[in-house]
Amino acid sequence: MTSTRTLPDVLANEGIADLTGLWPTETVQGWNDKLDPMFAAIDAEARSYVGADQLVNTGIFAELFSDPVRRLIAGIQPSALLYHCHCYEIAAGQDKSHIHAGKLQGWHKDWDTVQYFTPDYPSYLSLFVLLSPVAGDDGPFEFQPQSASEGLRASAQIVQLVGPVGTAAIWNRSYFHRAAPNRGNVRRRILKISIQPAGLPNDRIGLKEFRDAFANLDDPQLRALVDERRVGTTTPLPDGGDPVEARLFPSSKTNDLGPTAIAYGRIQSISRRLQSLAGVGVITE
């Protein structure tokens, strides 16, 4: 049965929705053709990145933020500003998550979202586009779709982002999620965008990669997405937003966490929440 709920509703209450098809497979493969030599030059790194400025210079940024994509974003967050925008690869043959591996098998929230978290509005969102095929052993993104206000649960139902090149999802960074270990024999490649309302603090939009992206863009609609001057304002994006019907992701498996790990995780969560509220920096992917 097809959902008739809107994206903001689903992202606030289930936390994740399917965007597969928003970018045609041929377009995504064209991005890979441009990215292949760039990643080949840095494939000795366990985690290698191509930043927003490089995406602008290759023309990927303009194709990524097409008119339908900009209108979808504005329909969720009218004043959206970028927080992440990069492609990255994760090394193959790993036995642990590449981020937060020492805690709860990598399960975590992005604790920088805690201070201004609102349960009824999805303020902190990321979009993933698979740039390599991902199966269960290839380091899939995993997500617990329940209330963001609830804790991580042992043996809980989770969504696993697997599929061919072009599979895409949008998800709420205030929910529990992780990168499963990439046990496969191919580096996992993914494109990540994170957005948040321009009025919220944004400690990344002033980074050199975003300043250079802004300087090399001519289109005012694209420049607005990386315009540091919009921080602290409610200035809407030039594009009007469209209401978008959500497509839900079905849960496909359960996590492997037991009650002891969950209890320990709750203690850690309280500590991380206090650190976040105090303004102590945390790592995000």
C-alpha atoms as a PDB file:
ATOM      1  CA  MET A   1       0.000   0.000   0.000  1.00  0.00           C
ATOM      2  CA  THR A   2       1.453   3.372  -1.028  1.00  0.00           C
ATOM      3  CA  SER A   3       1.961   5.983   1.681  1.00  0.00           C
ATOM      4  CA  THR A   4       0.072   9.243   1.231  1.00  0.00           C
ATOM      5  CA  ARG A   5       2.014  11.017   3.965  1.00  0.00           C
ATOM      6  CA  THR A   6       4.339  13.905   3.268  1.00  0.00           C
ATOM      7  CA  LEU A   7       8.108  13.763   3.599  1.00  0.00           C
ATOM      8  CA  PRO A   8       8.286  16.125   6.627  1.00  0.00           C
ATOM      9  CA  ASP A   9       5.774  13.952   8.497  1.00  0.00           C
ATOM     10  CA  VAL A  10       7.597  10.702   7.776  1.00  0.00           C
ATOM     11  CA  LEU A  11      11.034  12.171   8.493  1.00  0.00           C
ATOM     12  CA  ALA A  12       9.839  13.499  11.854  1.00  0.00           C
ATOM     13  CA  ASN A  13       8.086  10.283  12.912  1.00  0.00           C
ATOM     14  CA  GLU A  14       9.845   7.359  11.170  1.00  0.00           C
ATOM     15  CA  GLY A  15      13.034   9.163  10.265  1.00  0.00           C
ATOM     16  CA  ILE A  16      13.793   7.744   6.808  1.00  0.00           C
ATOM     17  CA  ALA A  17      12.241   7.728   3.322  1.00  0.00           C
ATOM     18  CA  ASP A  18      13.099   6.378  -0.115  1.00  0.00           C
ATOM     19  CA  LEU A  19      14.331   8.802  -2.799  1.00  0.00           C
ATOM     20  CA  THR A  20      15.461   6.208  -5.336  1.00  0.00           C
ATOM     21  CA  GLY A  21      14.797   7.470  -8.850  1.00  0.00           C
ATOM     22  CA  LEU A  22      15.218  11.151  -8.040  1.00  0.00           C
ATOM     23  CA  TRP A  23      18.530  11.000  -9.896  1.00  0.00           C
ATOM     24  CA  PRO A  24      18.459   8.865 -13.087  1.00  0.00           C
ATOM     25  CA  THR A  25      20.871   5.930 -13.099  1.00  0.00           C
ATOM     26  CA  GLU A  26      22.612   7.295 -16.205  1.00  0.00           C
ATOM     27  CA  THR A  27      23.264  10.588 -14.395  1.00  0.00           C
ATOM     28  CA  VAL A  28      24.686   8.818 -11.345  1.00  0.00           C
ATOM     29  CA  GLN A  29      26.906   6.649 -13.533  1.00  0.00           C
ATOM     30  CA  GLY A  30      28.146   9.826 -15.216  1.00  0.00           C
ATOM     31  CA  TRP A  31      29.168  11.109 -11.785  1.00  0.00           C
ATOM     32  CA  ASN A  32      31.125   7.903 -11.231  1.00  0.00           C
ATOM     33  CA  ASP A  33      32.936   8.380 -14.534  1.00  0.00           C
ATOM     34  CA  LYS A  34      34.147  11.768 -13.287  1.00  0.00           C
ATOM     35  CA  LEU A  35      34.912  10.527  -9.777  1.00  0.00           C
ATOM     36  CA  ASP A  36      36.819   7.366 -10.753  1.00  0.00           C
ATOM     37  CA  PRO A  37      40.189   9.070 -11.469  1.00  0.00           C
ATOM     38  CA  MET A  38      39.814  11.325  -8.427  1.00  0.00           C
ATOM     39  CA  PHE A  39      39.277   8.396  -6.054  1.00  0.00           C
ATOM     40  CA  ALA A  40      41.945   6.286  -7.797  1.00  0.00           C
ATOM     41  CA  ALA A  41      44.497   8.903  -6.768  1.00  0.00           C
ATOM     42  CA  ILE A  42      43.585   8.555  -3.073  1.00  0.00           C
ATOM     43  CA  ASP A  43      42.573   4.896  -2.784  1.00  0.00           C
ATOM     44  CA  ALA A  44      45.291   4.152  -0.211  1.00  0.00           C
ATOM     45  CA  GLU A  45      43.235   6.067   2.355  1.00  0.00           C
ATOM     46  CA  ALA A  46      40.804   4.094   4.520  1.00  0.00           C
ATOM     47  CA  ARG A  47      38.272   6.925   4.123  1.00  0.00           C
ATOM     48  CA  SER A  48      38.754   9.112   1.067  1.00  0.00           C
ATOM     49  CA  TYR A  49      36.734  12.201   0.197  1.00  0.00           C
ATOM     50  CA  VAL A  50      35.825  14.413  -2.749  1.00  0.00           C
ATOM     51  CA  GLY A  51      34.525  17.702  -1.360  1.00  0.00           C
ATOM     52  CA  ALA A  52      31.873  20.215  -2.363  1.00  0.00           C
ATOM     53  CA  ASP A  53      34.346  22.420  -4.243  1.00  0.00           C
ATOM     54  CA  GLN A  54      35.459  19.471  -6.374  1.00  0.00           C
ATOM     55  CA  LEU A  55      31.837  18.539  -7.046  1.00  0.00           C
ATOM     56  CA  VAL A  56      31.253  22.073  -8.311  1.00  0.00           C
ATOM     57  CA  ASN A  57      34.325  21.953 -10.573  1.00  0.00           C
ATOM     58  CA  THR A  58      33.269  18.643 -12.147  1.00  0.00           C
ATOM     59  CA  GLY A  59      29.692  19.804 -12.763  1.00  0.00           C
ATOM     60  CA  ILE A  60      28.315  17.133 -10.419  1.00  0.00           C
ATOM     61  CA  PHE A  61      27.038  19.736  -7.947  1.00  0.00           C
ATOM     62  CA  ALA A  62      24.737  21.355 -10.540  1.00  0.00           C
ATOM     63  CA  GLU A  63      23.344  17.968 -11.621  1.00  0.00           C
ATOM     64  CA  LEU A  64      22.935  16.874  -8.019  1.00  0.00           C
ATOM     65  CA  PHE A  65      20.901  19.958  -7.132  1.00  0.00           C
ATOM     66  CA  SER A  66      18.583  19.935 -10.120  1.00  0.00           C
ATOM     67  CA  ASP A  67      15.340  21.915 -10.035  1.00  0.00           C
ATOM     68  CA  PRO A  68      13.243  18.955  -8.721  1.00  0.00           C
ATOM     69  CA  VAL A  69      15.808  18.303  -5.978  1.00  0.00           C
ATOM     70  CA  ARG A  70      15.943  21.953  -4.912  1.00  0.00           C
ATOM     71  CA  ARG A  71      12.150  22.114  -4.789  1.00  0.00           C
ATOM     72  CA  LEU A  72      12.005  18.901  -2.751  1.00  0.00           C
ATOM     73  CA  ILE A  73      14.519  20.347  -0.269  1.00  0.00           C
ATOM     74  CA  ALA A  74      12.657  23.650  -0.022  1.00  0.00           C
ATOM     75  CA  GLY A  75       9.419  21.745   0.532  1.00  0.00           C
ATOM     76  CA  ILE A  76      10.907  20.239   3.694  1.00  0.00           C
ATOM     77  CA  GLN A  77      13.134  23.086   4.858  1.00  0.00           C
ATOM     78  CA  PRO A  78      12.308  26.403   3.121  1.00  0.00           C
ATOM     79  CA  SER A  79      15.559  28.044   4.309  1.00  0.00           C
ATOM     80  CA  ALA A  80      17.818  24.984   3.920  1.00  0.00           C
ATOM     81  CA  LEU A  81      21.588  25.424   4.001  1.00  0.00           C
ATOM     82  CA  LEU A  82      24.185  22.720   3.399  1.00  0.00           C
ATOM     83  CA  TYR A  83      26.094  21.141   6.280  1.00  0.00           C
ATOM     84  CA  HIS A  84      27.727  18.249   4.382  1.00  0.00           C
ATOM     85  CA  CYS A  85      28.193  17.797   0.651  1.00  0.00           C
ATOM     86  CA  HIS A  86      30.766  15.245  -0.446  1.00  0.00           C
ATOM     87  CA  CYS A  87      31.397  11.841  -1.928  1.00  0.00           C
ATOM     88  CA  TYR A  88      33.453   9.341  -0.004  1.00  0.00           C
ATOM     89  CA  GLU A  89      34.787   5.813  -0.202  1.00  0.00           C
ATOM     90  CA  ILE A  90      35.264   3.318   2.626  1.00  0.00           C
ATOM     91  CA  ALA A  91      37.953   0.651   2.397  1.00  0.00           C
ATOM     92  CA  ALA A  92      36.971  -2.979   1.783  1.00  0.00           C
ATOM     93  CA  GLY A  93      37.795  -5.956   3.983  1.00  0.00           C
ATOM     94  CA  GLN A  94      36.849  -4.309   7.284  1.00  0.00           C
ATOM     95  CA  ASP A  95      35.545  -6.052  10.403  1.00  0.00           C
ATOM     96  CA  LYS A  96      34.159  -2.989  12.163  1.00  0.00           C
ATOM     97  CA  SER A  97      32.275   0.197  11.370  1.00  0.00           C
ATOM     98  CA  HIS A  98      34.446   3.031  10.060  1.00  0.00           C
ATOM     99  CA  ILE A  99      32.904   5.528  12.518  1.00  0.00           C
ATOM    100  CA  HIS A 100      32.140   5.170  16.251  1.00  0.00           C
ATOM    101  CA  ALA A 101      33.383   1.586  15.984  1.00  0.00           C
ATOM    102  CA  GLY A 102      34.238   1.259  19.661  1.00  0.00           C
ATOM    103  CA  LYS A 103      30.724   1.915  20.905  1.00  0.00           C
ATOM    104  CA  LEU A 104      27.577  -0.143  20.239  1.00  0.00           C
ATOM    105  CA  GLN A 105      29.027  -1.613  17.022  1.00  0.00           C
ATOM    106  CA  GLY A 106      28.950   1.874  15.508  1.00  0.00           C
ATOM    107  CA  TRP A 107      25.340   2.746  16.395  1.00  0.00           C
ATOM    108  CA  HIS A 108      25.033   6.433  17.273  1.00  0.00           C
ATOM    109  CA  LYS A 109      23.074   9.627  16.848  1.00  0.00           C
ATOM    110  CA  ASP A 110      24.716  12.731  15.427  1.00  0.00           C
ATOM    111  CA  TRP A 111      24.972  14.442  18.768  1.00  0.00           C
ATOM    112  CA  ASP A 112      25.464  17.894  17.238  1.00  0.00           C
ATOM    113  CA  THR A 113      21.707  17.720  16.511  1.00  0.00           C
ATOM    114  CA  VAL A 114      20.677  17.455  20.180  1.00  0.00           C
ATOM    115  CA  GLN A 115      20.706  21.068  21.332  1.00  0.00           C
ATOM    116  CA  TYR A 116      18.133  22.302  18.814  1.00  0.00           C
ATOM    117  CA  PHE A 117      16.266  19.024  18.279  1.00  0.00           C
ATOM    118  CA  THR A 118      12.510  19.368  17.753  1.00  0.00           C
ATOM    119  CA  PRO A 119      10.441  16.149  17.719  1.00  0.00           C
ATOM    120  CA  ASP A 120       7.776  17.400  15.304  1.00  0.00           C
ATOM    121  CA  TYR A 121      10.040  18.940  12.664  1.00  0.00           C
ATOM    122  CA  PRO A 122      13.004  17.287  10.894  1.00  0.00           C
ATOM    123  CA  SER A 123      15.661  19.970  11.330  1.00  0.00           C
ATOM    124  CA  TYR A 124      18.726  17.846  10.600  1.00  0.00           C
ATOM    125  CA  LEU A 125      18.591  15.733   7.455  1.00  0.00           C
ATOM    126  CA  SER A 126      21.009  13.782   5.293  1.00  0.00           C
ATOM    127  CA  LEU A 127      20.581  12.335   1.816  1.00  0.00           C
ATOM    128  CA  PHE A 128      22.574   9.312   0.637  1.00  0.00           C
ATOM    129  CA  VAL A 129      22.986   8.201  -2.977  1.00  0.00           C
ATOM    130  CA  LEU A 130      24.717   4.863  -3.505  1.00  0.00           C
ATOM    131  CA  LEU A 131      27.542   5.255  -6.035  1.00  0.00           C
ATOM    132  CA  SER A 132      28.527   1.588  -5.797  1.00  0.00           C
ATOM    133  CA  PRO A 133      26.248  -1.445  -5.502  1.00  0.00           C
ATOM    134  CA  VAL A 134      25.737  -2.352  -1.841  1.00  0.00           C
ATOM    135  CA  ALA A 135      24.693  -5.739  -0.463  1.00  0.00           C
ATOM    136  CA  GLY A 136      24.556  -6.892   3.151  1.00  0.00           C
ATOM    137  CA  ASP A 137      28.331  -7.361   3.542  1.00  0.00           C
ATOM    138  CA  ASP A 138      29.341  -4.203   1.675  1.00  0.00           C
ATOM    139  CA  GLY A 139      29.061  -1.753   4.572  1.00  0.00           C
ATOM    140  CA  PRO A 140      25.411  -0.713   4.177  1.00  0.00           C
ATOM    141  CA  PHE A 141      23.987   2.229   6.054  1.00  0.00           C
ATOM    142  CA  GLU A 142      21.624   1.019   8.797  1.00  0.00           C
ATOM    143  CA  PHE A 143      18.905   3.010  10.536  1.00  0.00           C
ATOM    144  CA  GLN A 144      16.503   2.429  13.449  1.00  0.00           C
ATOM    145  CA  PRO A 145      13.097   3.853  12.379  1.00  0.00           C
ATOM    146  CA  GLN A 146      11.331   4.707  15.579  1.00  0.00           C
ATOM    147  CA  SER A 147      10.804   7.914  17.547  1.00  0.00           C
ATOM    148  CA  ALA A 148      13.987   9.975  17.726  1.00  0.00           C
ATOM    149  CA  SER A 149      13.152  10.601  21.372  1.00  0.00           C
ATOM    150  CA  GLU A 150      13.468   6.884  22.189  1.00  0.00           C
ATOM    151  CA  GLY A 151      16.704   5.053  22.855  1.00  0.00           C
ATOM    152  CA  LEU A 152      18.401   2.288  20.933  1.00  0.00           C
ATOM    153  CA  ARG A 153      16.749  -1.082  21.525  1.00  0.00           C
ATOM    154  CA  ALA A 154      18.190  -4.588  21.534  1.00  0.00           C
ATOM    155  CA  SER A 155      17.166  -6.692  18.499  1.00  0.00           C
ATOM    156  CA  ALA A 156      15.166  -3.761  17.110  1.00  0.00           C
ATOM    157  CA  GLN A 157      13.882  -3.721  13.544  1.00  0.00           C
ATOM    158  CA  ILE A 158      16.157  -1.667  11.298  1.00  0.00           C
ATOM    159  CA  VAL A 159      16.289  -0.392   7.731  1.00  0.00           C
ATOM    160  CA  GLN A 160      19.325  -1.406   5.689  1.00  0.00           C
ATOM    161  CA  LEU A 161      20.203   0.733   2.655  1.00  0.00           C
ATOM    162  CA  VAL A 162      21.144  -1.851   0.029  1.00  0.00           C
ATOM    163  CA  GLY A 163      20.680  -1.836  -3.704  1.00  0.00           C
ATOM    164  CA  PRO A 164      22.213  -0.932  -7.053  1.00  0.00           C
ATOM    165  CA  VAL A 165      23.930   2.302  -8.009  1.00  0.00           C
ATOM    166  CA  GLY A 166      21.441   5.171  -7.690  1.00  0.00           C
ATOM    167  CA  THR A 167      19.564   3.797  -4.662  1.00  0.00           C
ATOM    168  CA  ALA A 168      18.864   6.835  -2.470  1.00  0.00           C
ATOM    169  CA  ALA A 169      17.437   7.733   0.918  1.00  0.00           C
ATOM    170  CA  ILE A 170      16.752  10.816   3.019  1.00  0.00           C
ATOM    171  CA  TRP A 171      17.031  10.398   6.780  1.00  0.00           C
ATOM    172  CA  ASN A 172      16.827  12.252  10.068  1.00  0.00           C
ATOM    173  CA  ARG A 173      20.247  12.641  11.719  1.00  0.00           C
ATOM    174  CA  SER A 174      18.631  12.754  15.181  1.00  0.00           C
ATOM    175  CA  TYR A 175      17.786   9.036  14.941  1.00  0.00           C
ATOM    176  CA  PHE A 176      20.111   6.128  15.726  1.00  0.00           C
ATOM    177  CA  HIS A 177      22.074   4.896  12.713  1.00  0.00           C
ATOM    178  CA  ARG A 178      25.387   3.337  11.756  1.00  0.00           C
ATOM    179  CA  ALA A 179      27.621   2.260   8.902  1.00  0.00           C
ATOM    180  CA  ALA A 180      27.882  -1.528   8.976  1.00  0.00           C
ATOM    181  CA  PRO A 181      31.410  -2.923   8.415  1.00  0.00           C
ATOM    182  CA  ASN A 182      32.414  -3.140   4.768  1.00  0.00           C
ATOM    183  CA  ARG A 183      33.416  -6.804   4.753  1.00  0.00           C
ATOM    184  CA  GLY A 184      33.206  -7.005   0.976  1.00  0.00           C
ATOM    185  CA  ASN A 185      36.089  -6.797  -1.484  1.00  0.00           C
ATOM    186  CA  VAL A 186      35.142  -3.470  -3.109  1.00  0.00           C
ATOM    187  CA  ARG A 187      35.446   0.034  -1.670  1.00  0.00           C
ATOM    188  CA  ARG A 188      32.001   1.411  -0.816  1.00  0.00           C
ATOM    189  CA  ARG A 189      31.309   4.741  -2.542  1.00  0.00           C
ATOM    190  CA  ILE A 190      28.476   7.052  -1.528  1.00  0.00           C
ATOM    191  CA  LEU A 191      27.347  10.639  -2.009  1.00  0.00           C
ATOM    192  CA  LYS A 192      26.214  12.482   1.107  1.00  0.00           C
ATOM    193  CA  ILE A 193      24.307  15.742   1.492  1.00  0.00           C
ATOM    194  CA  SER A 194      23.242  17.159   4.847  1.00  0.00           C
ATOM    195  CA  ILE A 195      20.881  20.112   5.180  1.00  0.00           C
ATOM    196  CA  GLN A 196      19.476  22.134   8.048  1.00  0.00           C
ATOM    197  CA  PRO A 197      17.538  25.394   8.389  1.00  0.00           C
ATOM    198  CA  ALA A 198      19.761  28.429   7.841  1.00  0.00           C
ATOM    199  CA  GLY A 199      18.735  29.830  11.222  1.00  0.00           C
ATOM    200  CA  LEU A 200      20.569  27.070  13.110  1.00  0.00           C
ATOM    201  CA  PRO A 201      24.266  27.256  14.040  1.00  0.00           C
ATOM    202  CA  ASN A 202      26.392  25.807  11.239  1.00  0.00           C
ATOM    203  CA  ASP A 203      30.067  25.216  11.973  1.00  0.00           C
ATOM    204  CA  ARG A 204      30.825  23.679   8.561  1.00  0.00           C
ATOM    205  CA  ILE A 205      29.487  26.113   5.969  1.00  0.00           C
ATOM    206  CA  GLY A 206      32.505  28.377   6.555  1.00  0.00           C
ATOM    207  CA  LEU A 207      34.964  25.622   5.600  1.00  0.00           C
ATOM    208  CA  LYS A 208      37.217  26.272   2.613  1.00  0.00           C
ATOM    209  CA  GLU A 209      35.477  23.663   0.467  1.00  0.00           C
ATOM    210  CA  PHE A 210      32.168  25.547   0.805  1.00  0.00           C
ATOM    211  CA  ARG A 211      33.739  28.990   0.384  1.00  0.00           C
ATOM    212  CA  ASP A 212      35.436  27.804  -2.807  1.00  0.00           C
ATOM    213  CA  ALA A 213      32.213  26.183  -3.997  1.00  0.00           C
ATOM    214  CA  PHE A 214      30.375  29.481  -3.485  1.00  0.00           C
ATOM    215  CA  ALA A 215      33.083  31.412  -5.349  1.00  0.00           C
ATOM    216  CA  ASN A 216      32.952  29.067  -8.352  1.00  0.00           C
ATOM    217  CA  LEU A 217      29.176  28.974  -8.742  1.00  0.00           C
ATOM    218  CA  ASP A 218      27.324  31.454 -10.964  1.00  0.00           C
ATOM    219  CA  ASP A 219      23.745  30.263 -10.512  1.00  0.00           C
ATOM    220  CA  PRO A 220      22.158  32.185  -7.590  1.00  0.00           C
ATOM    221  CA  GLN A 221      19.868  29.232  -6.837  1.00  0.00           C
ATOM    222  CA  LEU A 222      22.889  26.980  -6.313  1.00  0.00           C
ATOM    223  CA  ARG A 223      24.915  29.628  -4.492  1.00  0.00           C
ATOM    224  CA  ALA A 224      22.142  30.014  -1.900  1.00  0.00           C
ATOM    225  CA  LEU A 225      22.776  26.440  -0.744  1.00  0.00           C
ATOM    226  CA  VAL A 226      26.366  27.291   0.258  1.00  0.00           C
ATOM    227  CA  ASP A 227      25.999  30.966   1.201  1.00  0.00           C
ATOM    228  CA  GLU A 228      27.557  31.418   4.637  1.00  0.00           C
ATOM    229  CA  ARG A 229      25.884  34.825   4.949  1.00  0.00           C
ATOM    230  CA  ARG A 230      22.514  33.105   5.390  1.00  0.00           C
ATOM    231  CA  VAL A 231      23.503  31.529   8.729  1.00  0.00           C
ATOM    232  CA  GLY A 232      21.265  32.862  11.506  1.00  0.00           C
ATOM    233  CA  THR A 233      18.550  34.025   9.103  1.00  0.00           C
ATOM    234  CA  THR A 234      15.241  32.621   7.930  1.00  0.00           C
ATOM    235  CA  THR A 235      15.829  33.747   4.349  1.00  0.00           C
ATOM    236  CA  PRO A 236      14.084  31.192   2.118  1.00  0.00           C
ATOM    237  CA  LEU A 237      15.721  29.534  -0.841  1.00  0.00           C
ATOM    238  CA  PRO A 238      14.982  31.186  -4.217  1.00  0.00           C
ATOM    239  CA  ASP A 239      13.074  28.074  -5.312  1.00  0.00           C
ATOM    240  CA  GLY A 240       9.622  27.512  -3.930  1.00  0.00           C
ATOM    241  CA  GLY A 241       9.039  24.167  -2.267  1.00  0.00           C
ATOM    242  CA  ASP A 242       6.770  21.387  -3.456  1.00  0.00           C
ATOM    243  CA  PRO A 243       4.904  19.061  -1.080  1.00  0.00           C
ATOM    244  CA  VAL A 244       6.261  15.582  -1.751  1.00  0.00           C
ATOM    245  CA  GLU A 245       4.571  12.298  -0.964  1.00  0.00           C
ATOM    246  CA  ALA A 246       6.833  10.000   1.045  1.00  0.00           C
ATOM    247  CA  ARG A 247       7.832   6.472   0.108  1.00  0.00           C
ATOM    248  CA  LEU A 248       8.597   4.413   3.189  1.00  0.00           C
ATOM    249  CA  PHE A 249      11.524   2.035   3.581  1.00  0.00           C
ATOM    250  CA  PRO A 250      10.461  -1.331   5.032  1.00  0.00           C
ATOM    251  CA  SER A 251      12.536  -2.695   7.909  1.00  0.00           C
ATOM    252  CA  SER A 252      14.598  -5.601   6.623  1.00  0.00           C
ATOM    253  CA  LYS A 253      16.436  -7.070   9.634  1.00  0.00           C
ATOM    254  CA  THR A 254      17.184  -6.618  13.336  1.00  0.00           C
ATOM    255  CA  ASN A 255      20.287  -5.227  14.986  1.00  0.00           C
ATOM    256  CA  ASP A 256      22.725  -7.526  16.802  1.00  0.00           C
ATOM    257  CA  LEU A 257      22.796  -5.622  20.092  1.00  0.00           C
ATOM    258  CA  GLY A 258      22.044  -7.313  23.398  1.00  0.00           C
ATOM    259  CA  PRO A 259      20.603  -5.843  26.624  1.00  0.00           C
ATOM    260  CA  THR A 260      24.027  -5.320  28.248  1.00  0.00           C
ATOM    261  CA  ALA A 261      25.316  -3.304  25.314  1.00  0.00           C
ATOM    262  CA  ILE A 262      22.127  -1.247  25.276  1.00  0.00           C
ATOM    263  CA  ALA A 263      22.423  -0.455  29.005  1.00  0.00           C
ATOM    264  CA  TYR A 264      26.027   0.643  28.533  1.00  0.00           C
ATOM    265  CA  GLY A 265      24.974   2.659  25.504  1.00  0.00           C
ATOM    266  CA  ARG A 266      22.369   4.541  27.524  1.00  0.00           C
ATOM    267  CA  ILE A 267      25.062   5.687  29.954  1.00  0.00           C
ATOM    268  CA  GLN A 268      27.208   6.825  27.028  1.00  0.00           C
ATOM    269  CA  SER A 269      24.208   8.569  25.444  1.00  0.00           C
ATOM    270  CA  ILE A 270      23.575  10.602  28.579  1.00  0.00           C
ATOM    271  CA  SER A 271      27.228  11.631  28.636  1.00  0.00           C
ATOM    272  CA  ARG A 272      27.218  12.575  24.932  1.00  0.00           C
ATOM    273  CA  ARG A 273      23.975  14.510  25.334  1.00  0.00           C
ATOM    274  CA  LEU A 274      25.453  16.546  28.189  1.00  0.00           C
ATOM    275  CA  GLN A 275      28.587  17.190  26.113  1.00  0.00           C
ATOM    276  CA  SER A 276      26.482  18.299  23.156  1.00  0.00           C
ATOM    277  CA  LEU A 277      24.370  20.639  25.256  1.00  0.00           C
ATOM    278  CA  ALA A 278      27.605  22.077  26.646  1.00  0.00           C
ATOM    279  CA  GLY A 279      28.867  22.701  23.118  1.00  0.00           C
ATOM    280  CA  VAL A 280      31.596  20.032  23.063  1.00  0.00           C
ATOM    281  CA  GLY A 281      32.378  18.993  19.488  1.00  0.00           C
ATOM    282  CA  VAL A 282      31.475  15.531  18.177  1.00  0.00           C
ATOM    283  CA  ILE A 283      32.411  13.563  15.092  1.00  0.00           C
ATOM    284  CA  THR A 284      29.999  13.162  12.191  1.00  0.00           C
ATOM    285  CA  GLU A 285      30.590  11.276   8.988  1.00  0.00           C
END
